[in-house]
C-alpha cells in the first residue's frame, strides 16, 4: 500500500518524531511541506494520504483515483472536501481529543498571565525598580485572584469540559454556552448573550462553521465588560480581527489572548498584530511533545482500524 505524508513538518521540531511508524502499513513518501501546485503529483497513485493543513479539494480527489483514505493530523477538517470525498467512497478520519489537556493548559496559562502579571513584574524587577522600592513588597501593577471571577466557555466539547474543570478548581464561576444542551452538566448553561455579558474571561472552544465564522464581531465585543478578557484557541476565523483590534485599541475590552488567527502564518499586515493588550502565540496550544506523540498514535490507530473495516474517528 502506498502512503503519502504531505506536511510532516507541521508535526515535529528538530526531528523529535519519526514518520517511520507508518511503514507497518506500506511504502511511505514523506514531504516536509507541500504547495497547492504539488499536491496532485505528490499523491499520485497513493491509496492513503496523511496531512494537517494541506487542501484536499474536489480537483485533487478527481486527479488521484487510487485514493481511498485521508487521515488528518488534526481535529479540524475544513481543509478537506469531505462531502465530495464521501461521494467518491473515500474515508476521512480526524484525530479528536488528542489536545484536550494541552489546550486547556494554555487557556489557563493566559488567564494566569493576565491575573498574576508575572511577565510584567519580572521585567520591572530586572529593570531595578524593586531595588529602589521603599517597601519590602513592590506591587504597582494590579493583580487579581481568579477565585470568584466568571469564566464563560463557548463550546462544550472535550476541551471546553476540561477548561470548565480547571476553572472550577480555581474557584471560578463557570458559565457554558453551547449549541447542544449538555446532559448532567454541573455548571450553569446559558445563552450566548448571558455568557458574553457576564464574562470576566470569555474563551472559545467551538468548531469553525458558517455560523461560528466571524461570530466575535463588533456586536458581540460591545456586549462584554470593559474589564473582560477574550481568549481564542479554537479557529482564527471565529474572530473578526478588525473588530477585535478596534475593541482593544478603544478600551471596549481589557485584553485578548489569541493562539489562532484568520491567516496562518500571521500576515505582516494583520491589524491585530499591534493592537493594545493583545498577546498572540503562534498556534502552539496543541504542540507539546506529549500531545504530538498522542496525536501520532491516534493517526496510526485510525489507519489500523480502517484496514480492519472498523474505522474510528470518521468525519464522513
C-alpha atoms as a PDB file:
ATOM      1  CA  UNK A   1       0.000   0.000   0.000  1.00  0.00           C
ATOM      2  CA  UNK A   2       1.297   3.467  -0.891  1.00  0.00           C
ATOM      3  CA  UNK A   3       1.111   6.201   1.749  1.00  0.00           C
ATOM      4  CA  UNK A   4       1.959   9.876   1.251  1.00  0.00           C
ATOM      5  CA  UNK A   5       2.513  12.367   4.074  1.00  0.00           C
ATOM      6  CA  UNK A   6       2.178  15.889   2.685  1.00  0.00           C
ATOM      7  CA  UNK A   7       3.228  18.204   5.549  1.00  0.00           C
ATOM      8  CA  UNK A   8       5.277  16.294   8.103  1.00  0.00           C
ATOM      9  CA  UNK A   9       6.996  19.498   9.267  1.00  0.00           C
ATOM     10  CA  UNK A  10       3.747  20.518  10.952  1.00  0.00           C
ATOM     11  CA  UNK A  11       4.153  17.529  13.273  1.00  0.00           C
ATOM     12  CA  UNK A  12       7.694  17.817  14.545  1.00  0.00           C
ATOM     13  CA  UNK A  13      10.561  20.096  15.504  1.00  0.00           C
ATOM     14  CA  UNK A  14      14.205  19.052  15.099  1.00  0.00           C
ATOM     15  CA  UNK A  15      13.018  15.545  14.110  1.00  0.00           C
ATOM     16  CA  UNK A  16      11.680  14.799  17.587  1.00  0.00           C
ATOM     17  CA  UNK A  17       9.087  12.491  15.993  1.00  0.00           C
ATOM     18  CA  UNK A  18       9.592   9.955  13.204  1.00  0.00           C
ATOM     19  CA  UNK A  19       7.211   9.042  10.363  1.00  0.00           C
ATOM     20  CA  UNK A  20       8.651   5.516  10.331  1.00  0.00           C
ATOM     21  CA  UNK A  21       5.736   4.342  12.472  1.00  0.00           C
ATOM     22  CA  UNK A  22       3.620   4.348   9.298  1.00  0.00           C
ATOM     23  CA  UNK A  23       5.875   1.917   7.453  1.00  0.00           C
ATOM     24  CA  UNK A  24       3.997  -1.012   9.018  1.00  0.00           C
ATOM     25  CA  UNK A  25       1.176  -0.151   6.612  1.00  0.00           C
ATOM     26  CA  UNK A  26       3.227   0.087   3.396  1.00  0.00           C
ATOM     27  CA  UNK A  27       5.609   2.290   1.442  1.00  0.00           C
ATOM     28  CA  UNK A  28       5.725   5.852   2.749  1.00  0.00           C
ATOM     29  CA  UNK A  29       6.694   9.048   0.934  1.00  0.00           C
ATOM     30  CA  UNK A  30       7.301  11.923   3.341  1.00  0.00           C
ATOM     31  CA  UNK A  31       7.297  15.605   2.373  1.00  0.00           C
ATOM     32  CA  UNK A  32       8.095  18.376   4.881  1.00  0.00           C
ATOM     33  CA  UNK A  33       5.557  20.735   3.276  1.00  0.00           C
ATOM     34  CA  UNK A  34       3.540  20.704   0.059  1.00  0.00           C
ATOM     35  CA  UNK A  35       2.415  23.653  -2.024  1.00  0.00           C
ATOM     36  CA  UNK A  36      -1.038  23.572  -3.666  1.00  0.00           C
ATOM     37  CA  UNK A  37       0.589  23.115  -7.081  1.00  0.00           C
ATOM     38  CA  UNK A  38       2.332  19.919  -5.951  1.00  0.00           C
ATOM     39  CA  UNK A  39      -0.477  18.136  -4.105  1.00  0.00           C
ATOM     40  CA  UNK A  40      -1.776  16.096  -7.034  1.00  0.00           C
ATOM     41  CA  UNK A  41       1.631  14.982  -8.295  1.00  0.00           C
ATOM     42  CA  UNK A  42       2.817  14.019  -4.828  1.00  0.00           C
ATOM     43  CA  UNK A  43      -0.255  11.959  -4.012  1.00  0.00           C
ATOM     44  CA  UNK A  44      -0.049  10.299  -7.409  1.00  0.00           C
ATOM     45  CA  UNK A  45      -1.232   6.677  -7.144  1.00  0.00           C
ATOM     46  CA  UNK A  46      -1.233   6.560  -3.344  1.00  0.00           C
ATOM     47  CA  UNK A  47      -4.152   4.953  -1.546  1.00  0.00           C
ATOM     48  CA  UNK A  48      -3.600   6.772   1.762  1.00  0.00           C
ATOM     49  CA  UNK A  49      -2.787  10.448   2.210  1.00  0.00           C
ATOM     50  CA  UNK A  50      -1.953  11.975   5.597  1.00  0.00           C
ATOM     51  CA  UNK A  51      -1.906  15.721   6.160  1.00  0.00           C
ATOM     52  CA  UNK A  52      -2.528  18.510   8.622  1.00  0.00           C
ATOM     53  CA  UNK A  53      -3.443  21.669   6.721  1.00  0.00           C
ATOM     54  CA  UNK A  54      -2.953  20.806   3.034  1.00  0.00           C
ATOM     55  CA  UNK A  55      -6.105  21.383   0.973  1.00  0.00           C
ATOM     56  CA  UNK A  56      -7.608  18.202  -0.442  1.00  0.00           C
ATOM     57  CA  UNK A  57     -10.128  19.610  -2.909  1.00  0.00           C
ATOM     58  CA  UNK A  58     -12.534  18.093  -5.405  1.00  0.00           C
ATOM     59  CA  UNK A  59      -9.910  18.625  -8.108  1.00  0.00           C
ATOM     60  CA  UNK A  60      -7.310  16.750  -6.056  1.00  0.00           C
ATOM     61  CA  UNK A  61      -9.683  13.869  -5.390  1.00  0.00           C
ATOM     62  CA  UNK A  62     -10.637  13.587  -9.068  1.00  0.00           C
ATOM     63  CA  UNK A  63      -6.976  13.593 -10.086  1.00  0.00           C
ATOM     64  CA  UNK A  64      -5.988  10.830  -7.624  1.00  0.00           C
ATOM     65  CA  UNK A  65      -8.260   7.877  -8.481  1.00  0.00           C
ATOM     66  CA  UNK A  66      -6.476   5.399  -6.181  1.00  0.00           C
ATOM     67  CA  UNK A  67      -7.130   7.489  -3.074  1.00  0.00           C
ATOM     68  CA  UNK A  68      -9.160   5.542  -0.514  1.00  0.00           C
ATOM     69  CA  UNK A  69      -8.285   7.120   2.834  1.00  0.00           C
ATOM     70  CA  UNK A  70      -7.483  10.646   4.096  1.00  0.00           C
ATOM     71  CA  UNK A  71      -6.028  10.862   7.588  1.00  0.00           C
ATOM     72  CA  UNK A  72      -5.684  14.144   9.428  1.00  0.00           C
ATOM     73  CA  UNK A  73      -3.016  15.168  11.918  1.00  0.00           C
ATOM     74  CA  UNK A  74      -5.680  17.453  13.390  1.00  0.00           C
ATOM     75  CA  UNK A  75      -9.158  17.675  14.839  1.00  0.00           C
ATOM     76  CA  UNK A  76     -10.402  20.231  12.305  1.00  0.00           C
ATOM     77  CA  UNK A  77     -11.153  19.025   8.786  1.00  0.00           C
ATOM     78  CA  UNK A  78     -12.235  22.183   6.977  1.00  0.00           C
ATOM     79  CA  UNK A  79      -9.262  21.738   4.602  1.00  0.00           C
ATOM     80  CA  UNK A  80     -10.857  18.590   3.160  1.00  0.00           C
ATOM     81  CA  UNK A  81     -13.803  18.484   0.743  1.00  0.00           C
ATOM     82  CA  UNK A  82     -15.482  15.926   2.973  1.00  0.00           C
ATOM     83  CA  UNK A  83     -18.744  15.910   1.039  1.00  0.00           C
ATOM     84  CA  UNK A  84     -17.034  15.026  -2.231  1.00  0.00           C
ATOM     85  CA  UNK A  85     -14.739  12.509  -0.538  1.00  0.00           C
ATOM     86  CA  UNK A  86     -17.837  10.781   0.805  1.00  0.00           C
ATOM     87  CA  UNK A  87     -19.404  10.783  -2.646  1.00  0.00           C
ATOM     88  CA  UNK A  88     -16.283   9.075  -4.007  1.00  0.00           C
ATOM     89  CA  UNK A  89     -16.198   6.489  -1.216  1.00  0.00           C
ATOM     90  CA  UNK A  90     -13.081   7.894   0.463  1.00  0.00           C
ATOM     91  CA  UNK A  91     -12.875   7.567   4.244  1.00  0.00           C
ATOM     92  CA  UNK A  92     -11.802  10.711   6.121  1.00  0.00           C
ATOM     93  CA  UNK A  93     -10.625  10.356   9.733  1.00  0.00           C
ATOM     94  CA  UNK A  94      -9.510  13.081  12.110  1.00  0.00           C
ATOM     95  CA  UNK A  95      -7.793  12.918  15.481  1.00  0.00           C
ATOM     96  CA  UNK A  96     -10.226  14.177  18.052  1.00  0.00           C
ATOM     97  CA  UNK A  97      -9.434  14.852  21.713  1.00  0.00           C
ATOM     98  CA  UNK A  98      -5.664  14.412  21.446  1.00  0.00           C
ATOM     99  CA  UNK A  99      -5.045  18.024  22.523  1.00  0.00           C
ATOM    100  CA  UNK A 100      -7.617  18.390  25.302  1.00  0.00           C
ATOM    101  CA  UNK A 101      -5.183  18.757  28.196  1.00  0.00           C
ATOM    102  CA  UNK A 102      -2.649  20.832  26.266  1.00  0.00           C
ATOM    103  CA  UNK A 103      -5.149  23.407  25.008  1.00  0.00           C
ATOM    104  CA  UNK A 104      -6.865  23.698  28.387  1.00  0.00           C
ATOM    105  CA  UNK A 105      -3.427  24.204  29.958  1.00  0.00           C
ATOM    106  CA  UNK A 106      -2.692  27.054  27.548  1.00  0.00           C
ATOM    107  CA  UNK A 107      -6.024  28.711  28.287  1.00  0.00           C
ATOM    108  CA  UNK A 108      -5.038  28.823  31.940  1.00  0.00           C
ATOM    109  CA  UNK A 109      -1.541  29.994  31.103  1.00  0.00           C
ATOM    110  CA  UNK A 110      -3.296  33.000  29.548  1.00  0.00           C
ATOM    111  CA  UNK A 111      -5.647  33.512  32.485  1.00  0.00           C
ATOM    112  CA  UNK A 112      -2.801  33.225  34.987  1.00  0.00           C
ATOM    113  CA  UNK A 113      -0.643  35.563  32.922  1.00  0.00           C
ATOM    114  CA  UNK A 114      -3.337  38.221  32.975  1.00  0.00           C
ATOM    115  CA  UNK A 115      -4.271  37.728  36.623  1.00  0.00           C
ATOM    116  CA  UNK A 116      -0.802  37.486  38.183  1.00  0.00           C
ATOM    117  CA  UNK A 117       1.211  39.634  35.722  1.00  0.00           C
ATOM    118  CA  UNK A 118       4.326  37.507  36.142  1.00  0.00           C
ATOM    119  CA  UNK A 119       5.987  38.766  32.942  1.00  0.00           C
ATOM    120  CA  UNK A 120       5.376  42.408  33.854  1.00  0.00           C
ATOM    121  CA  UNK A 121       6.776  42.022  37.352  1.00  0.00           C
ATOM    122  CA  UNK A 122       9.810  40.111  36.122  1.00  0.00           C
ATOM    123  CA  UNK A 123      10.601  42.946  33.685  1.00  0.00           C
ATOM    124  CA  UNK A 124      10.062  45.551  36.377  1.00  0.00           C
ATOM    125  CA  UNK A 125      12.344  43.783  38.858  1.00  0.00           C
ATOM    126  CA  UNK A 126      15.095  43.293  36.298  1.00  0.00           C
ATOM    127  CA  UNK A 127      14.936  46.982  35.392  1.00  0.00           C
ATOM    128  CA  UNK A 128      15.902  47.795  39.005  1.00  0.00           C
ATOM    129  CA  UNK A 129      12.598  49.198  40.277  1.00  0.00           C
ATOM    130  CA  UNK A 130      12.292  46.776  43.207  1.00  0.00           C
ATOM    131  CA  UNK A 131      15.787  47.745  44.351  1.00  0.00           C
ATOM    132  CA  UNK A 132      14.655  51.357  44.727  1.00  0.00           C
ATOM    133  CA  UNK A 133      11.400  50.492  46.477  1.00  0.00           C
ATOM    134  CA  UNK A 134      10.977  51.960  49.996  1.00  0.00           C
ATOM    135  CA  UNK A 135       8.831  48.962  50.944  1.00  0.00           C
ATOM    136  CA  UNK A 136       9.692  45.251  51.075  1.00  0.00           C
ATOM    137  CA  UNK A 137       6.746  44.431  48.781  1.00  0.00           C
ATOM    138  CA  UNK A 138       6.590  46.280  45.497  1.00  0.00           C
ATOM    139  CA  UNK A 139       3.236  45.940  43.678  1.00  0.00           C
ATOM    140  CA  UNK A 140       2.328  48.904  41.452  1.00  0.00           C
ATOM    141  CA  UNK A 141       0.940  46.620  38.717  1.00  0.00           C
ATOM    142  CA  UNK A 142      -2.612  45.473  39.571  1.00  0.00           C
ATOM    143  CA  UNK A 143      -3.036  41.734  40.104  1.00  0.00           C
ATOM    144  CA  UNK A 144      -6.200  39.785  40.841  1.00  0.00           C
ATOM    145  CA  UNK A 145      -7.436  36.499  42.257  1.00  0.00           C
ATOM    146  CA  UNK A 146      -9.128  34.164  39.800  1.00  0.00           C
ATOM    147  CA  UNK A 147     -11.396  32.779  42.511  1.00  0.00           C
ATOM    148  CA  UNK A 148     -14.849  34.301  42.162  1.00  0.00           C
ATOM    149  CA  UNK A 149     -14.296  35.508  38.594  1.00  0.00           C
ATOM    150  CA  UNK A 150     -16.701  34.377  35.887  1.00  0.00           C
ATOM    151  CA  UNK A 151     -15.296  32.130  33.182  1.00  0.00           C
ATOM    152  CA  UNK A 152     -17.638  31.869  30.194  1.00  0.00           C
ATOM    153  CA  UNK A 153     -16.976  28.946  27.867  1.00  0.00           C
ATOM    154  CA  UNK A 154     -18.367  28.904  24.328  1.00  0.00           C
ATOM    155  CA  UNK A 155     -18.410  25.323  23.086  1.00  0.00           C
ATOM    156  CA  UNK A 156     -18.520  22.330  25.407  1.00  0.00           C
ATOM    157  CA  UNK A 157     -16.664  19.523  23.715  1.00  0.00           C
ATOM    158  CA  UNK A 158     -13.769  17.746  25.387  1.00  0.00           C
ATOM    159  CA  UNK A 159     -11.643  20.907  25.606  1.00  0.00           C
ATOM    160  CA  UNK A 160     -14.484  23.067  26.872  1.00  0.00           C
ATOM    161  CA  UNK A 161     -15.256  20.497  29.549  1.00  0.00           C
ATOM    162  CA  UNK A 162     -11.617  20.347  30.667  1.00  0.00           C
ATOM    163  CA  UNK A 163     -11.385  24.145  30.805  1.00  0.00           C
ATOM    164  CA  UNK A 164     -14.510  24.159  32.977  1.00  0.00           C
ATOM    165  CA  UNK A 165     -12.988  21.574  35.341  1.00  0.00           C
ATOM    166  CA  UNK A 166      -9.825  23.633  35.758  1.00  0.00           C
ATOM    167  CA  UNK A 167     -11.771  26.848  36.240  1.00  0.00           C
ATOM    168  CA  UNK A 168     -13.912  25.186  38.866  1.00  0.00           C
ATOM    169  CA  UNK A 169     -10.757  24.014  40.665  1.00  0.00           C
ATOM    170  CA  UNK A 170      -9.636  27.660  40.838  1.00  0.00           C
ATOM    171  CA  UNK A 171     -12.991  28.626  42.362  1.00  0.00           C
ATOM    172  CA  UNK A 172     -14.230  30.438  39.261  1.00  0.00           C
ATOM    173  CA  UNK A 173     -17.905  30.791  38.385  1.00  0.00           C
ATOM    174  CA  UNK A 174     -18.480  28.736  35.223  1.00  0.00           C
ATOM    175  CA  UNK A 175     -20.971  29.669  32.502  1.00  0.00           C
ATOM    176  CA  UNK A 176     -21.391  27.392  29.487  1.00  0.00           C
ATOM    177  CA  UNK A 177     -22.880  28.374  26.128  1.00  0.00           C
ATOM    178  CA  UNK A 178     -23.196  25.575  23.597  1.00  0.00           C
ATOM    179  CA  UNK A 179     -25.445  24.743  20.644  1.00  0.00           C
ATOM    180  CA  UNK A 180     -26.369  21.334  22.092  1.00  0.00           C
ATOM    181  CA  UNK A 181     -27.633  21.237  25.661  1.00  0.00           C
ATOM    182  CA  UNK A 182     -25.188  19.064  27.672  1.00  0.00           C
ATOM    183  CA  UNK A 183     -26.571  16.219  29.776  1.00  0.00           C
ATOM    184  CA  UNK A 184     -25.984  16.367  33.553  1.00  0.00           C
ATOM    185  CA  UNK A 185     -23.810  19.448  33.249  1.00  0.00           C
ATOM    186  CA  UNK A 186     -22.624  20.567  36.707  1.00  0.00           C
ATOM    187  CA  UNK A 187     -22.243  24.175  35.554  1.00  0.00           C
ATOM    188  CA  UNK A 188     -24.667  26.941  34.606  1.00  0.00           C
ATOM    189  CA  UNK A 189     -25.748  26.573  30.977  1.00  0.00           C
ATOM    190  CA  UNK A 190     -26.933  29.799  29.369  1.00  0.00           C
ATOM    191  CA  UNK A 191     -27.424  31.566  26.059  1.00  0.00           C
ATOM    192  CA  UNK A 192     -24.610  33.374  24.305  1.00  0.00           C
ATOM    193  CA  UNK A 193     -25.698  36.853  25.395  1.00  0.00           C
ATOM    194  CA  UNK A 194     -25.675  35.878  29.063  1.00  0.00           C
ATOM    195  CA  UNK A 195     -22.254  34.234  28.735  1.00  0.00           C
ATOM    196  CA  UNK A 196     -20.765  37.244  26.955  1.00  0.00           C
ATOM    197  CA  UNK A 197     -22.222  39.938  29.210  1.00  0.00           C
ATOM    198  CA  UNK A 198     -21.187  38.254  32.463  1.00  0.00           C
ATOM    199  CA  UNK A 199     -17.736  37.031  31.488  1.00  0.00           C
ATOM    200  CA  UNK A 200     -14.561  38.172  33.181  1.00  0.00           C
ATOM    201  CA  UNK A 201     -12.826  35.703  30.871  1.00  0.00           C
ATOM    202  CA  UNK A 202     -14.547  34.611  27.649  1.00  0.00           C
ATOM    203  CA  UNK A 203     -12.949  31.591  25.960  1.00  0.00           C
ATOM    204  CA  UNK A 204     -13.914  29.962  22.663  1.00  0.00           C
ATOM    205  CA  UNK A 205     -13.792  26.207  22.019  1.00  0.00           C
ATOM    206  CA  UNK A 206     -16.151  25.823  19.074  1.00  0.00           C
ATOM    207  CA  UNK A 207     -15.536  24.391  15.591  1.00  0.00           C
ATOM    208  CA  UNK A 208     -15.296  26.645  12.549  1.00  0.00           C
ATOM    209  CA  UNK A 209     -18.615  26.585  10.703  1.00  0.00           C
ATOM    210  CA  UNK A 210     -20.621  29.064   8.693  1.00  0.00           C
ATOM    211  CA  UNK A 211     -22.409  30.009  11.921  1.00  0.00           C
ATOM    212  CA  UNK A 212     -19.272  30.492  14.007  1.00  0.00           C
ATOM    213  CA  UNK A 213     -17.188  32.257  11.348  1.00  0.00           C
ATOM    214  CA  UNK A 214     -16.766  35.878  12.420  1.00  0.00           C
ATOM    215  CA  UNK A 215     -19.025  35.430  15.456  1.00  0.00           C
ATOM    216  CA  UNK A 216     -16.664  37.520  17.586  1.00  0.00           C
ATOM    217  CA  UNK A 217     -17.564  40.801  15.936  1.00  0.00           C
ATOM    218  CA  UNK A 218     -18.245  44.382  16.990  1.00  0.00           C
ATOM    219  CA  UNK A 219     -21.721  43.487  18.232  1.00  0.00           C
ATOM    220  CA  UNK A 220     -20.504  40.659  20.485  1.00  0.00           C
ATOM    221  CA  UNK A 221     -17.497  42.650  21.732  1.00  0.00           C
ATOM    222  CA  UNK A 222     -19.779  45.561  22.538  1.00  0.00           C
ATOM    223  CA  UNK A 223     -21.673  43.357  24.995  1.00  0.00           C
ATOM    224  CA  UNK A 224     -18.570  42.419  27.004  1.00  0.00           C
ATOM    225  CA  UNK A 225     -17.463  44.157  30.179  1.00  0.00           C
ATOM    226  CA  UNK A 226     -14.756  46.769  29.711  1.00  0.00           C
ATOM    227  CA  UNK A 227     -12.701  44.723  32.178  1.00  0.00           C
ATOM    228  CA  UNK A 228     -13.190  41.413  30.346  1.00  0.00           C
ATOM    229  CA  UNK A 229     -10.559  39.301  28.611  1.00  0.00           C
ATOM    230  CA  UNK A 230     -11.181  37.364  25.395  1.00  0.00           C
ATOM    231  CA  UNK A 231      -9.366  34.082  24.645  1.00  0.00           C
ATOM    232  CA  UNK A 232      -9.400  32.185  21.357  1.00  0.00           C
ATOM    233  CA  UNK A 233      -7.691  28.813  20.949  1.00  0.00           C
ATOM    234  CA  UNK A 234     -10.299  27.385  18.569  1.00  0.00           C
ATOM    235  CA  UNK A 235     -10.012  28.630  14.983  1.00  0.00           C
ATOM    236  CA  UNK A 236      -8.787  32.032  13.829  1.00  0.00           C
ATOM    237  CA  UNK A 237     -11.753  32.956  11.594  1.00  0.00           C
ATOM    238  CA  UNK A 238     -14.092  32.710  14.595  1.00  0.00           C
ATOM    239  CA  UNK A 239     -12.805  36.225  15.387  1.00  0.00           C
ATOM    240  CA  UNK A 240     -13.239  39.299  13.196  1.00  0.00           C
ATOM    241  CA  UNK A 241      -9.732  40.668  13.730  1.00  0.00           C
ATOM    242  CA  UNK A 242     -10.524  44.195  12.578  1.00  0.00           C
ATOM    243  CA  UNK A 243     -13.393  44.442  15.080  1.00  0.00           C
ATOM    244  CA  UNK A 244     -11.271  42.978  17.879  1.00  0.00           C
ATOM    245  CA  UNK A 245      -8.446  45.405  17.109  1.00  0.00           C
ATOM    246  CA  UNK A 246     -10.845  48.335  17.401  1.00  0.00           C
ATOM    247  CA  UNK A 247     -12.283  46.997  20.664  1.00  0.00           C
ATOM    248  CA  UNK A 248      -8.810  46.627  22.193  1.00  0.00           C
ATOM    249  CA  UNK A 249      -7.473  49.965  20.998  1.00  0.00           C
ATOM    250  CA  UNK A 250     -10.563  51.832  22.207  1.00  0.00           C
ATOM    251  CA  UNK A 251     -10.686  50.051  25.591  1.00  0.00           C
ATOM    252  CA  UNK A 252     -14.015  48.341  24.959  1.00  0.00           C
ATOM    253  CA  UNK A 253     -12.450  45.202  26.419  1.00  0.00           C
ATOM    254  CA  UNK A 254      -9.364  44.859  28.605  1.00  0.00           C
ATOM    255  CA  UNK A 255      -7.259  42.306  26.746  1.00  0.00           C
ATOM    256  CA  UNK A 256      -7.168  39.395  24.309  1.00  0.00           C
ATOM    257  CA  UNK A 257      -5.095  36.235  24.109  1.00  0.00           C
ATOM    258  CA  UNK A 258      -5.022  34.525  20.709  1.00  0.00           C
ATOM    259  CA  UNK A 259      -3.370  31.281  19.657  1.00  0.00           C
ATOM    260  CA  UNK A 260      -5.014  31.236  16.224  1.00  0.00           C
ATOM    261  CA  UNK A 261      -5.505  33.868  13.532  1.00  0.00           C
ATOM    262  CA  UNK A 262      -7.511  34.229  10.333  1.00  0.00           C
ATOM    263  CA  UNK A 263      -4.339  33.780   8.264  1.00  0.00           C
ATOM    264  CA  UNK A 264      -1.562  31.461   9.392  1.00  0.00           C
ATOM    265  CA  UNK A 265       1.361  32.039   9.419  1.00  0.00           C
ATOM    266  CA  UNK A 266       0.402  35.545  10.539  1.00  0.00           C
ATOM    267  CA  UNK A 267       0.379  38.202   7.840  1.00  0.00           C
ATOM    268  CA  UNK A 268       2.584  41.233   8.452  1.00  0.00           C
ATOM    269  CA  UNK A 269      -0.460  43.311   7.541  1.00  0.00           C
ATOM    270  CA  UNK A 270      -2.911  41.820  10.031  1.00  0.00           C
ATOM    271  CA  UNK A 271      -4.482  44.615  12.114  1.00  0.00           C
ATOM    272  CA  UNK A 272      -4.338  42.617  15.325  1.00  0.00           C
ATOM    273  CA  UNK A 273      -0.518  42.487  15.326  1.00  0.00           C
ATOM    274  CA  UNK A 274      -0.111  45.868  17.023  1.00  0.00           C
ATOM    275  CA  UNK A 275      -3.374  46.019  18.957  1.00  0.00           C
ATOM    276  CA  UNK A 276      -3.212  47.153  22.585  1.00  0.00           C
ATOM    277  CA  UNK A 277      -3.134  44.475  25.288  1.00  0.00           C
ATOM    278  CA  UNK A 278      -3.152  41.614  22.796  1.00  0.00           C
ATOM    279  CA  UNK A 279      -0.981  38.550  23.377  1.00  0.00           C
ATOM    280  CA  UNK A 280      -0.508  36.302  20.327  1.00  0.00           C
ATOM    281  CA  UNK A 281       1.089  32.846  20.344  1.00  0.00           C
ATOM    282  CA  UNK A 282       1.820  31.076  17.016  1.00  0.00           C
ATOM    283  CA  UNK A 283      -0.742  28.246  17.172  1.00  0.00           C
ATOM    284  CA  UNK A 284       1.186  26.417  19.898  1.00  0.00           C
ATOM    285  CA  UNK A 285      -1.560  25.244  22.266  1.00  0.00           C
ATOM    286  CA  UNK A 286      -1.544  21.761  20.705  1.00  0.00           C
ATOM    287  CA  UNK A 287       2.221  21.472  20.248  1.00  0.00           C
ATOM    288  CA  UNK A 288       3.562  19.943  23.480  1.00  0.00           C
ATOM    289  CA  UNK A 289       5.731  16.915  22.743  1.00  0.00           C
ATOM    290  CA  UNK A 290       3.467  14.573  24.720  1.00  0.00           C
ATOM    291  CA  UNK A 291       0.459  15.917  22.826  1.00  0.00           C
ATOM    292  CA  UNK A 292       2.043  15.286  19.442  1.00  0.00           C
ATOM    293  CA  UNK A 293       3.020  11.741  20.444  1.00  0.00           C
ATOM    294  CA  UNK A 294      -0.616  11.139  21.379  1.00  0.00           C
ATOM    295  CA  UNK A 295      -1.709  12.586  18.026  1.00  0.00           C
ATOM    296  CA  UNK A 296       0.687  10.346  16.119  1.00  0.00           C
ATOM    297  CA  UNK A 297      -0.611   7.275  17.937  1.00  0.00           C
ATOM    298  CA  UNK A 298      -4.225   8.204  17.158  1.00  0.00           C
ATOM    299  CA  UNK A 299      -3.490   8.670  13.441  1.00  0.00           C
ATOM    300  CA  UNK A 300      -1.750   5.262  13.355  1.00  0.00           C
ATOM    301  CA  UNK A 301      -4.607   3.568  15.180  1.00  0.00           C
ATOM    302  CA  UNK A 302      -7.112   5.200  12.817  1.00  0.00           C
ATOM    303  CA  UNK A 303      -5.379   3.505   9.891  1.00  0.00           C
ATOM    304  CA  UNK A 304      -5.243   0.138  11.684  1.00  0.00           C
ATOM    305  CA  UNK A 305      -8.966   0.293  12.403  1.00  0.00           C
ATOM    306  CA  UNK A 306      -9.771   1.319   8.822  1.00  0.00           C
ATOM    307  CA  UNK A 307      -7.746  -1.585   7.434  1.00  0.00           C
ATOM    308  CA  UNK A 308      -9.813  -3.922   9.636  1.00  0.00           C
ATOM    309  CA  UNK A 309     -13.022  -2.330   8.239  1.00  0.00           C
ATOM    310  CA  UNK A 310     -13.697  -0.871  11.674  1.00  0.00           C
ATOM    311  CA  UNK A 311     -12.949   2.820  11.082  1.00  0.00           C
ATOM    312  CA  UNK A 312     -12.829   5.157  14.058  1.00  0.00           C
ATOM    313  CA  UNK A 313     -12.915   8.946  14.206  1.00  0.00           C
ATOM    314  CA  UNK A 314     -14.639   9.117  10.816  1.00  0.00           C
ATOM    315  CA  UNK A 315     -15.874  12.583   9.902  1.00  0.00           C
ATOM    316  CA  UNK A 316     -17.886  11.350   6.891  1.00  0.00           C
END
